[in-house]
Amino acid sequence: MSKRTILIVENDTVAARELEQQLTSVGYGISGIAASGEEANVLAARTAPDLVLMQFVLRDRFGGARGDVPGSEKARPVVLVTTPAHEATLRTAGVTDPFSYITRPFSARELHAVLELALCKHEARRAVTEAEDRFFEDSIDMLCFLDFNGHFKRLNPAWERTLGFTRAELMARPFIEFVHPEDRERTLEQNADVRGGGRALGFENRYLCKDGTYRWFHWNAAPNSSERVIYSVARDVTSSKLAEAERERLLRHLQDALAEVKSLRAILPICSYCKKIRDDEDYWHNIESYISMHTPTMFSHGICPSCMRTEIEPRLEQLMRETE
């Protein structure tokens, strides 16, 4: 196993050599010694140490208050060396793990314990970050970080697969420009609600594809007010939306067909000659029989005046003539 290497950042030559001796005595390698933040940046980029051991007063000239290395953000832990006089200031500055600190005076053994703890926590955090990154990159759903100014800060590859735009293209324009014009007003209202501390649960809208078509997205989102960002997950539900629309179309078609059948059933087919009625099973019934089967109506028989004149009376007269 190769030695872990440490970059020392200390503007006091005697103190720097003392740190070097302590580090080598507990098995560390020294990647370099820098007397300023500017020099430390150059050495860190060239030698890629496992950890930076830095004098507290130099930290602000080494990539900011947390000690991140320019060009390799969070690539290595930084442990600050301070004195009791500066310890309270350091705590007020909010220095937290894995960017820890050690207060002079300390022994080589104490220094070794602090550095190993910082390295251990840094490696654990890096492992978690790598796992999160793999999940983010491999997710089938579309994951995104949307800043409060309305621009995407981070997108996973699922966006490119779904919409056809590159992530750079999507992040170059306000997100609302990709939303269907008919959905923009309610999308902005939902966005404002989330920025105000609410959540988007099951929100749906349409997003533009590079080929000019639109796809339906189902959203869940929550804000991080301190970071001024909204964390969101979107699922492409276009297929289910199309299936739902097709089901509704078929249902309307069936309802129209049923209404037409009911209208047809209200029309009774009747023979023009014998006046029998045809039922649904294609049998013919006389009117009395058909009405009796389909209604509670009972019949009594008589002769109307018209039939009396045109049918009965002529027959009676004929019968009387034949009997004379």
C-alpha atoms as a PDB file:
ATOM      1  CA  MET A   1       0.000   0.000   0.000  1.00  0.00           C
ATOM      2  CA  SER A   2       1.479   3.368  -1.061  1.00  0.00           C
ATOM      3  CA  LYS A   3       1.984   6.156   1.451  1.00  0.00           C
ATOM      4  CA  ARG A   4      -0.645   8.832   1.765  1.00  0.00           C
ATOM      5  CA  THR A   5       0.818  12.139   0.704  1.00  0.00           C
ATOM      6  CA  ILE A   6       0.348  15.452   2.492  1.00  0.00           C
ATOM      7  CA  LEU A   7       0.781  18.969   1.141  1.00  0.00           C
ATOM      8  CA  ILE A   8       2.008  21.354   3.859  1.00  0.00           C
ATOM      9  CA  VAL A   9       0.964  25.000   3.594  1.00  0.00           C
ATOM     10  CA  GLU A  10       2.871  27.039   6.173  1.00  0.00           C
ATOM     11  CA  ASN A  11       4.637  30.410   5.810  1.00  0.00           C
ATOM     12  CA  ASP A  12       6.907  29.810   8.819  1.00  0.00           C
ATOM     13  CA  THR A  13       9.854  27.724   7.647  1.00  0.00           C
ATOM     14  CA  VAL A  14      10.623  26.324  11.114  1.00  0.00           C
ATOM     15  CA  ALA A  15       6.988  25.351  11.708  1.00  0.00           C
ATOM     16  CA  ALA A  16       6.806  23.797   8.236  1.00  0.00           C
ATOM     17  CA  ARG A  17       9.869  21.617   8.888  1.00  0.00           C
ATOM     18  CA  GLU A  18       8.442  20.568  12.258  1.00  0.00           C
ATOM     19  CA  LEU A  19       5.223  19.459  10.553  1.00  0.00           C
ATOM     20  CA  GLU A  20       7.248  17.592   7.942  1.00  0.00           C
ATOM     21  CA  GLN A  21       9.143  15.669  10.628  1.00  0.00           C
ATOM     22  CA  GLN A  22       5.955  14.795  12.502  1.00  0.00           C
ATOM     23  CA  LEU A  23       4.264  13.587   9.318  1.00  0.00           C
ATOM     24  CA  THR A  24       7.139  11.431   8.110  1.00  0.00           C
ATOM     25  CA  SER A  25       7.531   9.940  11.586  1.00  0.00           C
ATOM     26  CA  VAL A  26       4.007   8.493  11.402  1.00  0.00           C
ATOM     27  CA  GLY A  27       4.363   7.199   7.867  1.00  0.00           C
ATOM     28  CA  TYR A  28       3.094   9.968   5.575  1.00  0.00           C
ATOM     29  CA  GLY A  29       4.772  11.135   2.411  1.00  0.00           C
ATOM     30  CA  ILE A  30       5.222  14.856   1.713  1.00  0.00           C
ATOM     31  CA  SER A  31       4.045  16.059  -1.696  1.00  0.00           C
ATOM     32  CA  GLY A  32       5.418  19.555  -1.125  1.00  0.00           C
ATOM     33  CA  ILE A  33       5.673  22.558   1.163  1.00  0.00           C
ATOM     34  CA  ALA A  34       4.048  25.842   0.163  1.00  0.00           C
ATOM     35  CA  ALA A  35       4.519  29.213   1.847  1.00  0.00           C
ATOM     36  CA  SER A  36       1.377  30.849   0.407  1.00  0.00           C
ATOM     37  CA  GLY A  37      -2.074  30.066  -0.850  1.00  0.00           C
ATOM     38  CA  GLU A  38      -1.070  30.828  -4.434  1.00  0.00           C
ATOM     39  CA  GLU A  39       1.891  28.466  -4.256  1.00  0.00           C
ATOM     40  CA  ALA A  40      -0.296  25.816  -2.635  1.00  0.00           C
ATOM     41  CA  ASN A  41      -2.713  25.951  -5.562  1.00  0.00           C
ATOM     42  CA  VAL A  42       0.080  25.281  -8.017  1.00  0.00           C
ATOM     43  CA  LEU A  43       1.535  22.414  -5.980  1.00  0.00           C
ATOM     44  CA  ALA A  44      -1.876  20.836  -5.345  1.00  0.00           C
ATOM     45  CA  ALA A  45      -2.653  20.811  -9.077  1.00  0.00           C
ATOM     46  CA  ARG A  46       0.735  19.299  -9.898  1.00  0.00           C
ATOM     47  CA  THR A  47       1.200  16.717  -7.121  1.00  0.00           C
ATOM     48  CA  ALA A  48      -2.434  15.755  -6.257  1.00  0.00           C
ATOM     49  CA  PRO A  49      -1.888  15.142  -2.522  1.00  0.00           C
ATOM     50  CA  ASP A  50      -4.283  13.026  -0.481  1.00  0.00           C
ATOM     51  CA  LEU A  51      -4.701  15.802   2.083  1.00  0.00           C
ATOM     52  CA  VAL A  52      -3.719  19.408   2.605  1.00  0.00           C
ATOM     53  CA  LEU A  53      -2.388  20.470   6.036  1.00  0.00           C
ATOM     54  CA  MET A  54      -2.680  24.237   6.084  1.00  0.00           C
ATOM     55  CA  GLN A  55      -1.950  27.126   8.402  1.00  0.00           C
ATOM     56  CA  PHE A  56      -5.324  28.632   9.324  1.00  0.00           C
ATOM     57  CA  VAL A  57      -4.419  32.212   8.424  1.00  0.00           C
ATOM     58  CA  LEU A  58      -3.613  31.165   4.812  1.00  0.00           C
ATOM     59  CA  ARG A  59      -6.895  29.422   4.091  1.00  0.00           C
ATOM     60  CA  ASP A  60      -8.680  32.363   2.446  1.00  0.00           C
ATOM     61  CA  ARG A  61      -6.028  32.477  -0.266  1.00  0.00           C
ATOM     62  CA  PHE A  62      -6.457  28.782  -0.950  1.00  0.00           C
ATOM     63  CA  GLY A  63      -9.766  28.438  -2.780  1.00  0.00           C
ATOM     64  CA  GLY A  64     -12.057  30.027  -0.197  1.00  0.00           C
ATOM     65  CA  ALA A  65     -13.072  29.616   3.401  1.00  0.00           C
ATOM     66  CA  ARG A  66     -13.606  25.853   3.232  1.00  0.00           C
ATOM     67  CA  GLY A  67     -10.273  25.138   1.648  1.00  0.00           C
ATOM     68  CA  ASP A  68     -11.570  23.599  -1.590  1.00  0.00           C
ATOM     69  CA  VAL A  69      -8.903  23.265  -4.227  1.00  0.00           C
ATOM     70  CA  PRO A  70      -9.664  25.244  -7.418  1.00  0.00           C
ATOM     71  CA  GLY A  71     -10.277  22.964 -10.382  1.00  0.00           C
ATOM     72  CA  SER A  72     -10.898  19.946  -8.167  1.00  0.00           C
ATOM     73  CA  GLU A  73     -13.727  20.912  -5.869  1.00  0.00           C
ATOM     74  CA  LYS A  74     -13.988  18.644  -2.829  1.00  0.00           C
ATOM     75  CA  ALA A  75     -11.279  16.411  -4.346  1.00  0.00           C
ATOM     76  CA  ARG A  76      -9.267  16.232  -1.111  1.00  0.00           C
ATOM     77  CA  PRO A  77      -9.760  17.086   2.572  1.00  0.00           C
ATOM     78  CA  VAL A  78      -8.086  20.074   4.181  1.00  0.00           C
ATOM     79  CA  VAL A  79      -7.012  20.112   7.841  1.00  0.00           C
ATOM     80  CA  LEU A  80      -6.290  23.547   9.295  1.00  0.00           C
ATOM     81  CA  VAL A  81      -3.536  24.148  11.825  1.00  0.00           C
ATOM     82  CA  THR A  82      -4.505  26.830  14.321  1.00  0.00           C
ATOM     83  CA  THR A  83      -3.662  28.187  17.758  1.00  0.00           C
ATOM     84  CA  PRO A  84      -5.873  28.647  20.807  1.00  0.00           C
ATOM     85  CA  ALA A  85      -6.109  32.340  19.915  1.00  0.00           C
ATOM     86  CA  HIS A  86      -7.629  31.529  16.518  1.00  0.00           C
ATOM     87  CA  GLU A  87      -9.699  28.500  17.523  1.00  0.00           C
ATOM     88  CA  ALA A  88     -12.833  30.471  18.380  1.00  0.00           C
ATOM     89  CA  THR A  89     -12.587  32.377  15.090  1.00  0.00           C
ATOM     90  CA  LEU A  90     -12.268  29.107  13.196  1.00  0.00           C
ATOM     91  CA  ARG A  91     -15.358  27.657  14.855  1.00  0.00           C
ATOM     92  CA  THR A  92     -17.302  30.813  14.094  1.00  0.00           C
ATOM     93  CA  ALA A  93     -16.259  30.449  10.443  1.00  0.00           C
ATOM     94  CA  GLY A  94     -18.134  27.143  10.384  1.00  0.00           C
ATOM     95  CA  VAL A  95     -15.264  24.783   9.558  1.00  0.00           C
ATOM     96  CA  THR A  96     -16.819  21.293   9.618  1.00  0.00           C
ATOM     97  CA  ASP A  97     -15.821  17.757   8.726  1.00  0.00           C
ATOM     98  CA  PRO A  98     -14.153  16.539   6.628  1.00  0.00           C
ATOM     99  CA  PHE A  99     -12.348  19.913   6.643  1.00  0.00           C
ATOM    100  CA  SER A 100     -11.223  19.617  10.249  1.00  0.00           C
ATOM    101  CA  TYR A 101      -8.591  21.427  12.290  1.00  0.00           C
ATOM    102  CA  ILE A 102      -5.956  20.779  14.950  1.00  0.00           C
ATOM    103  CA  THR A 103      -4.813  23.225  17.615  1.00  0.00           C
ATOM    104  CA  ARG A 104      -1.158  23.749  18.502  1.00  0.00           C
ATOM    105  CA  PRO A 105       0.665  22.334  20.362  1.00  0.00           C
ATOM    106  CA  PHE A 106       0.100  18.714  19.319  1.00  0.00           C
ATOM    107  CA  SER A 107       2.128  15.548  19.102  1.00  0.00           C
ATOM    108  CA  ALA A 108       2.813  13.495  15.999  1.00  0.00           C
ATOM    109  CA  ARG A 109       0.397  10.869  17.301  1.00  0.00           C
ATOM    110  CA  GLU A 110      -2.378  13.427  17.783  1.00  0.00           C
ATOM    111  CA  LEU A 111      -1.717  14.826  14.324  1.00  0.00           C
ATOM    112  CA  HIS A 112      -1.871  11.337  12.840  1.00  0.00           C
ATOM    113  CA  ALA A 113      -5.251  10.671  14.508  1.00  0.00           C
ATOM    114  CA  VAL A 114      -6.773  13.920  13.188  1.00  0.00           C
ATOM    115  CA  LEU A 115      -5.474  13.358   9.653  1.00  0.00           C
ATOM    116  CA  GLU A 116      -6.693   9.753   9.520  1.00  0.00           C
ATOM    117  CA  LEU A 117     -10.110  10.807  10.752  1.00  0.00           C
ATOM    118  CA  ALA A 118     -10.291  13.518   8.083  1.00  0.00           C
ATOM    119  CA  LEU A 119      -9.166  11.079   5.372  1.00  0.00           C
ATOM    120  CA  CYS A 120     -11.584   8.412   6.566  1.00  0.00           C
ATOM    121  CA  LYS A 121     -14.568  10.757   6.611  1.00  0.00           C
ATOM    122  CA  HIS A 122     -13.589  12.199   3.266  1.00  0.00           C
ATOM    123  CA  GLU A 123     -13.416   8.735   1.681  1.00  0.00           C
ATOM    124  CA  ALA A 124     -16.764   7.772   3.195  1.00  0.00           C
ATOM    125  CA  ARG A 125     -18.350  10.937   1.888  1.00  0.00           C
ATOM    126  CA  ARG A 126     -16.781  10.393  -1.516  1.00  0.00           C
ATOM    127  CA  ALA A 127     -18.162   6.840  -1.626  1.00  0.00           C
ATOM    128  CA  VAL A 128     -21.644   8.126  -0.809  1.00  0.00           C
ATOM    129  CA  THR A 129     -21.297  10.888  -3.390  1.00  0.00           C
ATOM    130  CA  GLU A 130     -20.186   8.407  -6.052  1.00  0.00           C
ATOM    131  CA  ALA A 131     -23.150   6.153  -5.250  1.00  0.00           C
ATOM    132  CA  GLU A 132     -25.491   9.130  -5.467  1.00  0.00           C
ATOM    133  CA  ASP A 133     -23.907  10.158  -8.765  1.00  0.00           C
ATOM    134  CA  ARG A 134     -24.345   6.650 -10.189  1.00  0.00           C
ATOM    135  CA  PHE A 135     -27.995   6.646  -9.129  1.00  0.00           C
ATOM    136  CA  PHE A 136     -28.450  10.098 -10.657  1.00  0.00           C
ATOM    137  CA  GLU A 137     -26.800   9.090 -13.924  1.00  0.00           C
ATOM    138  CA  ASP A 138     -28.512   5.688 -14.257  1.00  0.00           C
ATOM    139  CA  SER A 139     -32.027   6.681 -13.176  1.00  0.00           C
ATOM    140  CA  ILE A 140     -34.786   5.922 -15.692  1.00  0.00           C
ATOM    141  CA  ASP A 141     -36.787   8.862 -14.359  1.00  0.00           C
ATOM    142  CA  MET A 142     -35.703  12.417 -15.089  1.00  0.00           C
ATOM    143  CA  LEU A 143     -33.926  14.021 -12.134  1.00  0.00           C
ATOM    144  CA  CYS A 144     -33.083  17.692 -11.939  1.00  0.00           C
ATOM    145  CA  PHE A 145     -31.949  20.574  -9.777  1.00  0.00           C
ATOM    146  CA  LEU A 146     -33.796  23.768 -10.714  1.00  0.00           C
ATOM    147  CA  ASP A 147     -32.560  27.048  -9.225  1.00  0.00           C
ATOM    148  CA  PHE A 148     -34.958  29.668  -7.952  1.00  0.00           C
ATOM    149  CA  ASN A 149     -34.133  31.817 -10.993  1.00  0.00           C
ATOM    150  CA  GLY A 150     -35.785  29.279 -13.283  1.00  0.00           C
ATOM    151  CA  HIS A 151     -32.732  27.577 -14.823  1.00  0.00           C
ATOM    152  CA  PHE A 152     -31.745  23.926 -14.597  1.00  0.00           C
ATOM    153  CA  LYS A 153     -28.535  23.489 -12.587  1.00  0.00           C
ATOM    154  CA  ARG A 154     -28.175  19.744 -13.042  1.00  0.00           C
ATOM    155  CA  LEU A 155     -29.921  17.143 -15.195  1.00  0.00           C
ATOM    156  CA  ASN A 156     -29.406  13.422 -15.587  1.00  0.00           C
ATOM    157  CA  PRO A 157     -29.034  11.647 -18.983  1.00  0.00           C
ATOM    158  CA  ALA A 158     -32.709  10.584 -18.993  1.00  0.00           C
ATOM    159  CA  TRP A 159     -33.568  14.132 -20.116  1.00  0.00           C
ATOM    160  CA  GLU A 160     -31.516  13.757 -23.272  1.00  0.00           C
ATOM    161  CA  ARG A 161     -33.028  10.344 -24.020  1.00  0.00           C
ATOM    162  CA  THR A 162     -36.569  11.640 -23.531  1.00  0.00           C
ATOM    163  CA  LEU A 163     -36.533  15.091 -25.145  1.00  0.00           C
ATOM    164  CA  GLY A 164     -33.656  14.878 -27.623  1.00  0.00           C
ATOM    165  CA  PHE A 165     -32.045  18.106 -26.370  1.00  0.00           C
ATOM    166  CA  THR A 166     -28.585  17.931 -24.828  1.00  0.00           C
ATOM    167  CA  ARG A 167     -28.286  18.825 -21.176  1.00  0.00           C
ATOM    168  CA  ALA A 168     -26.280  21.889 -22.153  1.00  0.00           C
ATOM    169  CA  GLU A 169     -29.147  23.044 -24.398  1.00  0.00           C
ATOM    170  CA  LEU A 170     -31.693  22.509 -21.645  1.00  0.00           C
ATOM    171  CA  MET A 171     -29.627  24.389 -19.069  1.00  0.00           C
ATOM    172  CA  ALA A 172     -28.913  27.314 -21.406  1.00  0.00           C
ATOM    173  CA  ARG A 173     -32.519  28.575 -21.437  1.00  0.00           C
ATOM    174  CA  PRO A 174     -35.159  29.210 -18.738  1.00  0.00           C
ATOM    175  CA  PHE A 175     -37.022  25.986 -18.068  1.00  0.00           C
ATOM    176  CA  ILE A 176     -40.394  27.563 -18.820  1.00  0.00           C
ATOM    177  CA  GLU A 177     -39.447  27.933 -22.497  1.00  0.00           C
ATOM    178  CA  PHE A 178     -39.632  24.138 -22.830  1.00  0.00           C
ATOM    179  CA  VAL A 179     -43.117  23.930 -21.303  1.00  0.00           C
ATOM    180  CA  HIS A 180     -46.160  23.757 -23.598  1.00  0.00           C
ATOM    181  CA  PRO A 181     -47.671  27.274 -23.963  1.00  0.00           C
ATOM    182  CA  GLU A 182     -51.041  26.053 -22.651  1.00  0.00           C
ATOM    183  CA  ASP A 183     -49.373  24.689 -19.485  1.00  0.00           C
ATOM    184  CA  ARG A 184     -47.068  27.615 -18.669  1.00  0.00           C
ATOM    185  CA  GLU A 185     -49.349  29.669 -16.445  1.00  0.00           C
ATOM    186  CA  ARG A 186     -50.221  26.836 -14.062  1.00  0.00           C
ATOM    187  CA  THR A 187     -46.594  25.577 -14.189  1.00  0.00           C
ATOM    188  CA  LEU A 188     -45.320  28.979 -13.026  1.00  0.00           C
ATOM    189  CA  GLU A 189     -47.959  29.011 -10.280  1.00  0.00           C
ATOM    190  CA  GLN A 190     -46.817  25.577  -9.109  1.00  0.00           C
ATOM    191  CA  ASN A 191     -43.157  26.668  -9.274  1.00  0.00           C
ATOM    192  CA  ALA A 192     -43.891  29.746  -7.137  1.00  0.00           C
ATOM    193  CA  ASP A 193     -45.693  27.581  -4.575  1.00  0.00           C
ATOM    194  CA  VAL A 194     -42.696  25.224  -4.294  1.00  0.00           C
ATOM    195  CA  ARG A 195     -40.241  28.118  -3.990  1.00  0.00           C
ATOM    196  CA  GLY A 196     -42.419  29.370  -1.162  1.00  0.00           C
ATOM    197  CA  GLY A 197     -41.967  26.124   0.765  1.00  0.00           C
ATOM    198  CA  GLY A 198     -44.664  23.921  -0.740  1.00  0.00           C
ATOM    199  CA  ARG A 199     -44.318  20.683  -2.673  1.00  0.00           C
ATOM    200  CA  ALA A 200     -45.384  19.506  -6.093  1.00  0.00           C
ATOM    201  CA  LEU A 201     -47.029  16.088  -5.830  1.00  0.00           C
ATOM    202  CA  GLY A 202     -48.381  14.504  -8.989  1.00  0.00           C
ATOM    203  CA  PHE A 203     -48.213  17.722 -11.019  1.00  0.00           C
ATOM    204  CA  GLU A 204     -48.454  17.141 -14.793  1.00  0.00           C
ATOM    205  CA  ASN A 205     -47.478  19.259 -17.782  1.00  0.00           C
ATOM    206  CA  ARG A 206     -46.090  18.919 -21.303  1.00  0.00           C
ATOM    207  CA  TYR A 207     -42.476  19.451 -22.365  1.00  0.00           C
ATOM    208  CA  LEU A 208     -41.116  20.235 -25.800  1.00  0.00           C
ATOM    209  CA  CYS A 209     -39.027  17.649 -27.665  1.00  0.00           C
ATOM    210  CA  LYS A 210     -36.325  18.619 -30.127  1.00  0.00           C
ATOM    211  CA  ASP A 211     -38.431  17.197 -32.995  1.00  0.00           C
ATOM    212  CA  GLY A 212     -41.261  19.629 -32.141  1.00  0.00           C
ATOM    213  CA  THR A 213     -43.563  17.144 -30.418  1.00  0.00           C
ATOM    214  CA  TYR A 214     -44.532  17.271 -26.740  1.00  0.00           C
ATOM    215  CA  ARG A 215     -44.388  14.678 -23.990  1.00  0.00           C
ATOM    216  CA  TRP A 216     -46.381  14.531 -20.762  1.00  0.00           C
ATOM    217  CA  PHE A 217     -44.389  14.630 -17.481  1.00  0.00           C
ATOM    218  CA  HIS A 218     -45.599  13.655 -14.002  1.00  0.00           C
ATOM    219  CA  TRP A 219     -43.704  15.685 -11.353  1.00  0.00           C
ATOM    220  CA  ASN A 220     -42.812  15.434  -7.679  1.00  0.00           C
ATOM    221  CA  ALA A 221     -40.675  18.272  -6.305  1.00  0.00           C
ATOM    222  CA  ALA A 222     -39.488  19.830  -3.041  1.00  0.00           C
ATOM    223  CA  PRO A 223     -37.438  22.964  -2.305  1.00  0.00           C
ATOM    224  CA  ASN A 224     -34.141  23.569  -0.512  1.00  0.00           C
ATOM    225  CA  SER A 225     -34.528  27.188   0.538  1.00  0.00           C
ATOM    226  CA  SER A 226     -30.993  27.563   1.892  1.00  0.00           C
ATOM    227  CA  GLU A 227     -29.505  26.466  -1.440  1.00  0.00           C
ATOM    228  CA  ARG A 228     -32.276  28.228  -3.413  1.00  0.00           C
ATOM    229  CA  VAL A 229     -32.868  25.130  -5.490  1.00  0.00           C
ATOM    230  CA  ILE A 230     -35.769  22.772  -6.209  1.00  0.00           C
ATOM    231  CA  TYR A 231     -35.075  19.032  -6.301  1.00  0.00           C
ATOM    232  CA  SER A 232     -37.414  17.313  -8.753  1.00  0.00           C
ATOM    233  CA  VAL A 233     -38.160  13.959 -10.307  1.00  0.00           C
ATOM    234  CA  ALA A 234     -40.234  13.697 -13.468  1.00  0.00           C
ATOM    235  CA  ARG A 235     -41.650  10.604 -15.142  1.00  0.00           C
ATOM    236  CA  ASP A 236     -42.647  10.407 -18.794  1.00  0.00           C
ATOM    237  CA  VAL A 237     -46.343   9.418 -18.779  1.00  0.00           C
ATOM    238  CA  THR A 238     -47.042  10.144 -22.443  1.00  0.00           C
ATOM    239  CA  SER A 239     -47.937   6.522 -23.234  1.00  0.00           C
ATOM    240  CA  SER A 240     -50.465   6.296 -20.415  1.00  0.00           C
ATOM    241  CA  LYS A 241     -51.915   9.681 -21.418  1.00  0.00           C
ATOM    242  CA  LEU A 242     -52.368   8.478 -25.007  1.00  0.00           C
ATOM    243  CA  ALA A 243     -53.904   5.227 -23.772  1.00  0.00           C
ATOM    244  CA  GLU A 244     -56.283   7.184 -21.543  1.00  0.00           C
ATOM    245  CA  ALA A 245     -57.306   9.408 -24.457  1.00  0.00           C
ATOM    246  CA  GLU A 246     -57.903   6.312 -26.612  1.00  0.00           C
ATOM    247  CA  ARG A 247     -60.045   4.741 -23.872  1.00  0.00           C
ATOM    248  CA  GLU A 248     -62.109   7.918 -23.651  1.00  0.00           C
ATOM    249  CA  ARG A 249     -62.519   7.948 -27.441  1.00  0.00           C
ATOM    250  CA  LEU A 250     -63.692   4.333 -27.453  1.00  0.00           C
ATOM    251  CA  LEU A 251     -66.041   4.993 -24.543  1.00  0.00           C
ATOM    252  CA  ARG A 252     -67.634   7.912 -26.402  1.00  0.00           C
ATOM    253  CA  HIS A 253     -67.959   5.708 -29.492  1.00  0.00           C
ATOM    254  CA  LEU A 254     -69.667   2.955 -27.483  1.00  0.00           C
ATOM    255  CA  GLN A 255     -71.976   5.449 -25.800  1.00  0.00           C
ATOM    256  CA  ASP A 256     -72.974   6.869 -29.190  1.00  0.00           C
ATOM    257  CA  ALA A 257     -73.530   3.365 -30.548  1.00  0.00           C
ATOM    258  CA  LEU A 258     -75.677   2.437 -27.534  1.00  0.00           C
ATOM    259  CA  ALA A 259     -77.756   5.568 -27.966  1.00  0.00           C
ATOM    260  CA  GLU A 260     -78.244   4.680 -31.624  1.00  0.00           C
ATOM    261  CA  VAL A 261     -79.321   1.125 -30.718  1.00  0.00           C
ATOM    262  CA  LYS A 262     -81.800   2.481 -28.201  1.00  0.00           C
ATOM    263  CA  SER A 263     -83.211   4.774 -30.863  1.00  0.00           C
ATOM    264  CA  LEU A 264     -83.545   1.868 -33.298  1.00  0.00           C
ATOM    265  CA  ARG A 265     -85.257  -0.276 -30.678  1.00  0.00           C
ATOM    266  CA  ALA A 266     -87.861   2.471 -30.223  1.00  0.00           C
ATOM    267  CA  ILE A 267     -88.958   1.905 -33.849  1.00  0.00           C
ATOM    268  CA  LEU A 268     -91.264  -1.140 -34.290  1.00  0.00           C
ATOM    269  CA  PRO A 269     -90.978  -2.965 -37.624  1.00  0.00           C
ATOM    270  CA  ILE A 270     -94.579  -3.708 -38.743  1.00  0.00           C
ATOM    271  CA  CYS A 271     -95.829  -5.487 -41.845  1.00  0.00           C
ATOM    272  CA  SER A 272     -97.453  -3.128 -44.332  1.00  0.00           C
ATOM    273  CA  TYR A 273    -100.058  -5.743 -45.211  1.00  0.00           C
ATOM    274  CA  CYS A 274    -100.965  -7.902 -42.237  1.00  0.00           C
ATOM    275  CA  LYS A 275     -99.750  -5.408 -39.603  1.00  0.00           C
ATOM    276  CA  LYS A 276     -97.806  -8.028 -37.674  1.00  0.00           C
ATOM    277  CA  ILE A 277     -94.833  -6.802 -35.611  1.00  0.00           C
ATOM    278  CA  ARG A 278     -91.308  -8.285 -35.777  1.00  0.00           C
ATOM    279  CA  ASP A 279     -89.531  -8.823 -32.444  1.00  0.00           C
ATOM    280  CA  ASP A 280     -85.770  -8.765 -31.681  1.00  0.00           C
ATOM    281  CA  GLU A 281     -85.483 -12.475 -32.470  1.00  0.00           C
ATOM    282  CA  ASP A 282     -86.979 -11.978 -35.927  1.00  0.00           C
ATOM    283  CA  TYR A 283     -90.375 -13.562 -35.083  1.00  0.00           C
ATOM    284  CA  TRP A 284     -93.578 -11.939 -36.280  1.00  0.00           C
ATOM    285  CA  HIS A 285     -96.488 -11.402 -33.881  1.00  0.00           C
ATOM    286  CA  ASN A 286     -99.884  -9.865 -34.307  1.00  0.00           C
ATOM    287  CA  ILE A 287    -100.295  -6.566 -32.563  1.00  0.00           C
ATOM    288  CA  GLU A 288    -102.310  -7.995 -29.659  1.00  0.00           C
ATOM    289  CA  SER A 289     -99.775 -10.704 -28.976  1.00  0.00           C
ATOM    290  CA  TYR A 290     -96.763  -8.359 -29.168  1.00  0.00           C
ATOM    291  CA  ILE A 291     -98.255  -5.729 -26.885  1.00  0.00           C
ATOM    292  CA  SER A 292     -99.389  -8.374 -24.400  1.00  0.00           C
ATOM    293  CA  MET A 293     -95.819  -9.766 -24.195  1.00  0.00           C
ATOM    294  CA  HIS A 294     -94.188  -6.388 -23.665  1.00  0.00           C
ATOM    295  CA  THR A 295     -96.793  -4.509 -21.619  1.00  0.00           C
ATOM    296  CA  PRO A 296     -99.397  -5.336 -18.981  1.00  0.00           C
ATOM    297  CA  THR A 297    -102.155  -4.146 -21.343  1.00  0.00           C
ATOM    298  CA  MET A 298    -105.354  -6.280 -21.614  1.00  0.00           C
ATOM    299  CA  PHE A 299    -107.623  -6.117 -24.652  1.00  0.00           C
ATOM    300  CA  SER A 300    -111.408  -5.918 -25.062  1.00  0.00           C
ATOM    301  CA  HIS A 301    -112.892  -6.143 -28.547  1.00  0.00           C
ATOM    302  CA  GLY A 302    -115.393  -3.963 -30.364  1.00  0.00           C
ATOM    303  CA  ILE A 303    -116.058  -2.477 -33.811  1.00  0.00           C
ATOM    304  CA  CYS A 304    -115.337   1.106 -34.654  1.00  0.00           C
ATOM    305  CA  PRO A 305    -117.965   3.137 -36.626  1.00  0.00           C
ATOM    306  CA  SER A 306    -115.775   3.267 -39.690  1.00  0.00           C
ATOM    307  CA  CYS A 307    -115.359  -0.503 -39.836  1.00  0.00           C
ATOM    308  CA  MET A 308    -119.059  -0.884 -39.138  1.00  0.00           C
ATOM    309  CA  ARG A 309    -119.881   1.164 -42.262  1.00  0.00           C
ATOM    310  CA  THR A 310    -117.185  -0.210 -44.536  1.00  0.00           C
ATOM    311  CA  GLU A 311    -116.956  -3.806 -43.411  1.00  0.00           C
ATOM    312  CA  ILE A 312    -119.841  -5.078 -41.298  1.00  0.00           C
ATOM    313  CA  GLU A 313    -122.882  -3.380 -42.829  1.00  0.00           C
ATOM    314  CA  PRO A 314    -121.984  -4.295 -46.454  1.00  0.00           C
ATOM    315  CA  ARG A 315    -121.543  -7.938 -45.379  1.00  0.00           C
ATOM    316  CA  LEU A 316    -124.864  -7.976 -43.559  1.00  0.00           C
ATOM    317  CA  GLU A 317    -126.631  -6.508 -46.598  1.00  0.00           C
ATOM    318  CA  GLN A 318    -124.957  -9.113 -48.799  1.00  0.00           C
ATOM    319  CA  LEU A 319    -126.029 -11.883 -46.463  1.00  0.00           C
ATOM    320  CA  MET A 320    -129.641 -10.665 -46.434  1.00  0.00           C
ATOM    321  CA  ARG A 321    -129.788 -10.541 -50.231  1.00  0.00           C
ATOM    322  CA  GLU A 322    -128.446 -14.069 -50.431  1.00  0.00           C
ATOM    323  CA  THR A 323    -131.127 -15.388 -48.074  1.00  0.00           C
ATOM    324  CA  GLU A 324    -134.120 -13.799 -49.839  1.00  0.00           C
END
